[in-house]
Amino acid sequence: MRDKLTQAIEDYLKAIFELTRNEGRASTNQLAEYLEVSPASITGMIQKLATTDPPLVQYLKHHGVTLTAQGEKVALEIVRHHRLLEMYLHQTLGYPWDEVHEEADRLEHVISEQFEEKIAVALGDPRHDPHGDPIPRKDLSMPNAPETRLFELRPKQLATIMRVRDTDPNLLRYLSSLGVTPGATVKVVGFSEFDSNLHLIVGEGGETIVLGPQITEQIFVNQIS
């Protein structure tokens, strides 16, 4: 079915998938902000996607939108392309993790399924992209991903960084400079009730750093203790 879909439609389906992964439904305002288009354009496209044969989304006015089974299949195909491309760009071509997202956005719509599988084989069938996000399997099933945010931890708790949201290159560069990347261990040594800042030690014997909630909400961890 993908050969009949435009790049814009694929972008919408991927955006709905990302926004509904944890929240159930995506609102038109959320989609407008995510895709940087007007709410009116969002509504028109959603109504179109809800009336395709078969429908790609389910839409209830004032209640948001979700993907149908067919819409989710298309979204997962695009997500698999995107995250494999990110890993290829990072691991094989040496792109830093803050640059791969935009490059993959441009390429994800044009590669064939054959090319996608050759990338997967060449990389050893990776399970995660450079930001720690799970890569859908070949059958389009999605591995489980940790959903505990660093924001939720409190003093004396220890965790491993598992994934970081990849939409802000500046944030990725900043976290990389601090060593806050997938695989790193962090220990919470302080918490401010006033502003929800976390005081953290990264790795063994590192200096204490302070991260605010706008950052710690973007980082997902596996809690160790």
Protein backbone atom coordinates (compact mmCIF):
# COMPACT_ATOMS: atom_id res chain seq x y z
CA MET A 1 0.00 0.00 0.00
CA ARG A 2 2.90 2.37 0.66
CA ASP A 3 3.56 2.92 -3.03
CA LYS A 4 0.19 4.73 -3.20
CA LEU A 5 0.92 7.10 -0.31
CA THR A 6 2.55 10.51 -0.48
CA GLN A 7 5.46 11.55 1.72
CA ALA A 8 3.12 13.94 3.54
CA ILE A 9 0.75 11.11 4.44
CA GLU A 10 3.63 8.97 5.70
CA ASP A 11 4.83 11.89 7.82
CA TYR A 12 1.37 12.25 9.36
CA LEU A 13 1.12 8.55 10.16
CA LYS A 14 4.58 8.52 11.74
CA ALA A 15 3.74 11.62 13.78
CA ILE A 16 0.50 10.07 15.05
CA PHE A 17 2.39 6.91 15.96
CA GLU A 18 4.98 8.88 17.96
CA LEU A 19 2.38 11.01 19.75
CA THR A 20 0.02 8.14 20.60
CA ARG A 21 2.70 5.71 21.79
CA ASN A 22 2.11 6.73 25.40
CA GLU A 23 -0.92 9.01 25.34
CA GLY A 24 -3.55 6.97 23.48
CA ARG A 25 -4.84 9.72 21.18
CA ALA A 26 -3.24 12.69 19.47
CA SER A 27 -5.02 16.03 19.32
CA THR A 28 -4.99 18.28 16.28
CA ASN A 29 -3.03 20.87 18.28
CA GLN A 30 -0.38 18.29 19.21
CA LEU A 31 -0.02 17.26 15.57
CA ALA A 32 0.10 20.88 14.43
CA GLU A 33 2.95 21.59 16.84
CA TYR A 34 4.78 18.35 16.01
CA LEU A 35 4.54 18.80 12.22
CA GLU A 36 4.73 22.62 12.27
CA VAL A 37 1.59 23.13 10.18
CA SER A 38 -1.73 24.85 10.90
CA PRO A 39 -4.50 23.06 12.87
CA ALA A 40 -6.82 23.56 9.88
CA SER A 41 -4.41 21.65 7.62
CA ILE A 42 -4.17 18.91 10.24
CA THR A 43 -7.96 18.51 10.39
CA GLY A 44 -8.24 18.31 6.60
CA MET A 45 -5.56 15.63 6.32
CA ILE A 46 -6.94 13.59 9.22
CA GLN A 47 -10.41 13.60 7.66
CA LYS A 48 -8.84 12.40 4.40
CA LEU A 49 -6.93 9.60 6.14
CA ALA A 50 -10.08 8.50 7.96
CA THR A 51 -11.94 7.97 4.66
CA THR A 52 -9.31 6.10 2.65
CA ASP A 53 -9.95 2.47 1.70
CA PRO A 54 -8.98 0.98 4.07
CA PRO A 55 -9.03 3.83 6.63
CA LEU A 56 -5.61 4.72 8.04
CA VAL A 57 -6.83 6.59 11.13
CA GLN A 58 -9.80 6.77 13.44
CA TYR A 59 -10.87 10.35 14.12
CA LEU A 60 -13.47 11.72 16.51
CA LYS A 61 -13.94 15.48 16.56
CA HIS A 62 -12.74 16.96 19.88
CA HIS A 63 -11.43 13.50 20.90
CA GLY A 64 -8.32 13.22 18.77
CA VAL A 65 -6.98 10.63 16.38
CA THR A 66 -5.50 7.12 16.55
CA LEU A 67 -4.07 4.81 13.91
CA THR A 68 -5.99 1.89 12.50
CA ALA A 69 -4.19 -1.44 12.14
CA GLN A 70 -3.34 -0.56 8.52
CA GLY A 71 -2.17 2.93 9.48
CA GLU A 72 0.02 1.54 12.23
CA LYS A 73 1.60 -0.94 9.82
CA VAL A 74 2.59 1.87 7.46
CA ALA A 75 3.87 3.98 10.36
CA LEU A 76 5.99 1.12 11.67
CA GLU A 77 7.51 0.56 8.22
CA ILE A 78 8.56 4.22 8.12
CA VAL A 79 9.85 4.13 11.70
CA ARG A 80 11.91 1.02 10.88
CA HIS A 81 13.39 2.77 7.82
CA HIS A 82 14.12 5.89 9.86
CA ARG A 83 15.83 4.22 12.80
CA LEU A 84 17.87 1.82 10.67
CA LEU A 85 19.03 4.77 8.60
CA GLU A 86 19.97 6.67 11.77
CA MET A 87 22.05 3.72 12.92
CA TYR A 88 23.70 3.33 9.52
CA LEU A 89 24.55 7.03 9.36
CA HIS A 90 25.96 6.96 12.88
CA GLN A 91 27.75 3.62 12.96
CA THR A 92 28.96 3.30 9.37
CA LEU A 93 29.29 6.86 8.10
CA GLY A 94 30.31 8.47 11.36
CA TYR A 95 27.53 11.02 11.73
CA PRO A 96 27.17 12.34 15.31
CA TRP A 97 23.91 11.38 17.02
CA ASP A 98 22.60 14.95 16.85
CA GLU A 99 22.71 15.01 13.02
CA VAL A 100 21.21 11.66 12.02
CA HIS A 101 17.53 12.50 12.64
CA GLU A 102 17.18 15.11 9.92
CA GLU A 103 19.17 13.05 7.40
CA ALA A 104 17.00 9.99 8.10
CA ASP A 105 13.85 12.12 7.72
CA ARG A 106 14.91 12.93 4.18
CA LEU A 107 15.82 9.35 3.23
CA GLU A 108 13.17 7.25 4.99
CA HIS A 109 10.54 7.71 2.26
CA VAL A 110 12.70 6.74 -0.71
CA ILE A 111 14.58 3.57 0.23
CA SER A 112 13.16 0.22 -0.85
CA GLU A 113 12.37 -2.70 1.43
CA GLN A 114 15.32 -4.54 -0.12
CA PHE A 115 17.68 -1.69 0.71
CA GLU A 116 16.26 -1.52 4.24
CA GLU A 117 17.02 -5.20 4.79
CA LYS A 118 20.55 -4.87 3.42
CA ILE A 119 21.17 -2.10 5.95
CA ALA A 120 19.81 -4.31 8.72
CA VAL A 121 22.05 -7.21 7.71
CA ALA A 122 25.12 -4.99 7.34
CA LEU A 123 24.57 -3.60 10.85
CA GLY A 124 23.93 -6.99 12.43
CA ASP A 125 20.17 -6.43 12.84
CA PRO A 126 20.41 -3.74 15.53
CA ARG A 127 17.72 -3.47 18.19
CA HIS A 128 18.09 0.25 18.91
CA ASP A 129 19.00 3.45 17.09
CA PRO A 130 21.74 5.84 18.31
CA HIS A 131 19.30 7.56 20.67
CA GLY A 132 18.22 4.28 22.25
CA ASP A 133 14.83 4.09 20.54
CA PRO A 134 13.77 0.53 19.66
CA ILE A 135 13.84 -0.42 15.99
CA PRO A 136 10.71 -2.30 14.82
CA ARG A 137 11.55 -5.86 13.86
CA LYS A 138 11.27 -7.14 10.29
CA ASP A 139 7.75 -8.41 11.06
CA LEU A 140 6.96 -4.86 12.31
CA SER A 141 6.49 -5.91 15.92
CA MET A 142 7.89 -3.32 18.29
CA PRO A 143 10.27 -4.30 21.11
CA ASN A 144 9.38 -3.01 24.55
CA ALA A 145 11.01 0.28 25.52
CA PRO A 146 11.58 1.64 29.02
CA GLU A 147 9.06 4.33 29.89
CA THR A 148 10.49 5.50 33.23
CA ARG A 149 11.64 9.08 32.80
CA LEU A 150 14.70 10.42 34.55
CA PHE A 151 12.33 13.12 35.84
CA GLU A 152 10.71 10.52 38.12
CA LEU A 153 13.88 9.53 40.02
CA ARG A 154 14.77 10.85 43.45
CA PRO A 155 17.93 11.00 45.64
CA LYS A 156 19.91 7.77 46.13
CA GLN A 157 18.31 6.12 43.09
CA LEU A 158 20.57 4.71 40.38
CA ALA A 159 19.66 4.14 36.74
CA THR A 160 21.03 3.45 33.27
CA ILE A 161 20.19 5.85 30.45
CA MET A 162 18.27 3.87 27.82
CA ARG A 163 16.99 6.42 25.33
CA VAL A 164 16.75 10.13 24.67
CA ARG A 165 14.17 11.87 22.52
CA ASP A 166 15.88 12.85 19.29
CA THR A 167 13.95 15.89 18.09
CA ASP A 168 16.28 18.61 19.45
CA PRO A 169 19.86 18.50 18.11
CA ASN A 170 20.98 21.19 20.57
CA LEU A 171 19.80 19.09 23.50
CA LEU A 172 21.58 16.03 22.13
CA ARG A 173 24.82 17.95 21.77
CA TYR A 174 24.49 19.29 25.31
CA LEU A 175 23.78 15.86 26.81
CA SER A 176 26.67 14.36 24.88
CA SER A 177 29.01 16.95 26.39
CA LEU A 178 27.85 15.82 29.84
CA GLY A 179 28.15 12.10 29.07
CA VAL A 180 24.39 11.62 29.40
CA THR A 181 23.98 9.14 26.55
CA PRO A 182 22.46 5.65 26.21
CA GLY A 183 24.38 3.18 28.36
CA ALA A 184 25.59 5.76 30.87
CA THR A 185 24.83 5.25 34.56
CA VAL A 186 23.47 8.15 36.60
CA LYS A 187 22.94 8.51 40.34
CA VAL A 188 20.54 11.07 41.77
CA VAL A 189 22.18 12.92 44.65
CA GLY A 190 19.77 15.82 45.03
CA PHE A 191 16.29 17.07 44.12
CA SER A 192 14.85 20.58 44.36
CA GLU A 193 11.17 20.72 45.33
CA PHE A 194 11.05 24.34 44.16
CA ASP A 195 11.99 23.83 40.50
CA SER A 196 12.18 20.00 40.14
CA ASN A 197 15.87 20.16 39.20
CA LEU A 198 17.81 16.92 39.62
CA HIS A 199 21.42 16.82 40.85
CA LEU A 200 23.17 13.87 39.22
CA ILE A 201 26.50 12.09 39.10
CA VAL A 202 27.23 10.50 35.72
CA GLY A 203 29.35 7.34 35.82
CA GLU A 204 31.84 6.58 38.56
CA GLY A 205 33.26 9.53 40.45
CA GLY A 206 32.07 12.17 38.02
CA GLU A 207 31.22 15.75 38.88
CA THR A 208 27.70 16.65 39.96
CA ILE A 209 25.54 18.13 37.20
CA VAL A 210 22.11 19.75 37.44
CA LEU A 211 19.35 19.08 34.90
CA GLY A 212 15.94 20.73 34.87
CA PRO A 213 12.60 19.05 34.18
CA GLN A 214 12.45 20.17 30.54
CA ILE A 215 15.50 17.98 30.00
CA THR A 216 14.85 15.09 32.41
CA GLU A 217 11.40 14.53 30.89
CA GLN A 218 13.13 13.75 27.56
CA ILE A 219 15.38 11.01 29.01
CA PHE A 220 14.21 7.45 29.66
CA VAL A 221 15.99 5.12 32.03
CA ASN A 222 16.16 1.62 33.42
CA GLN A 223 16.15 1.99 37.19
CA ILE A 224 18.77 -0.12 38.93
CA SER A 225 18.06 0.78 42.55
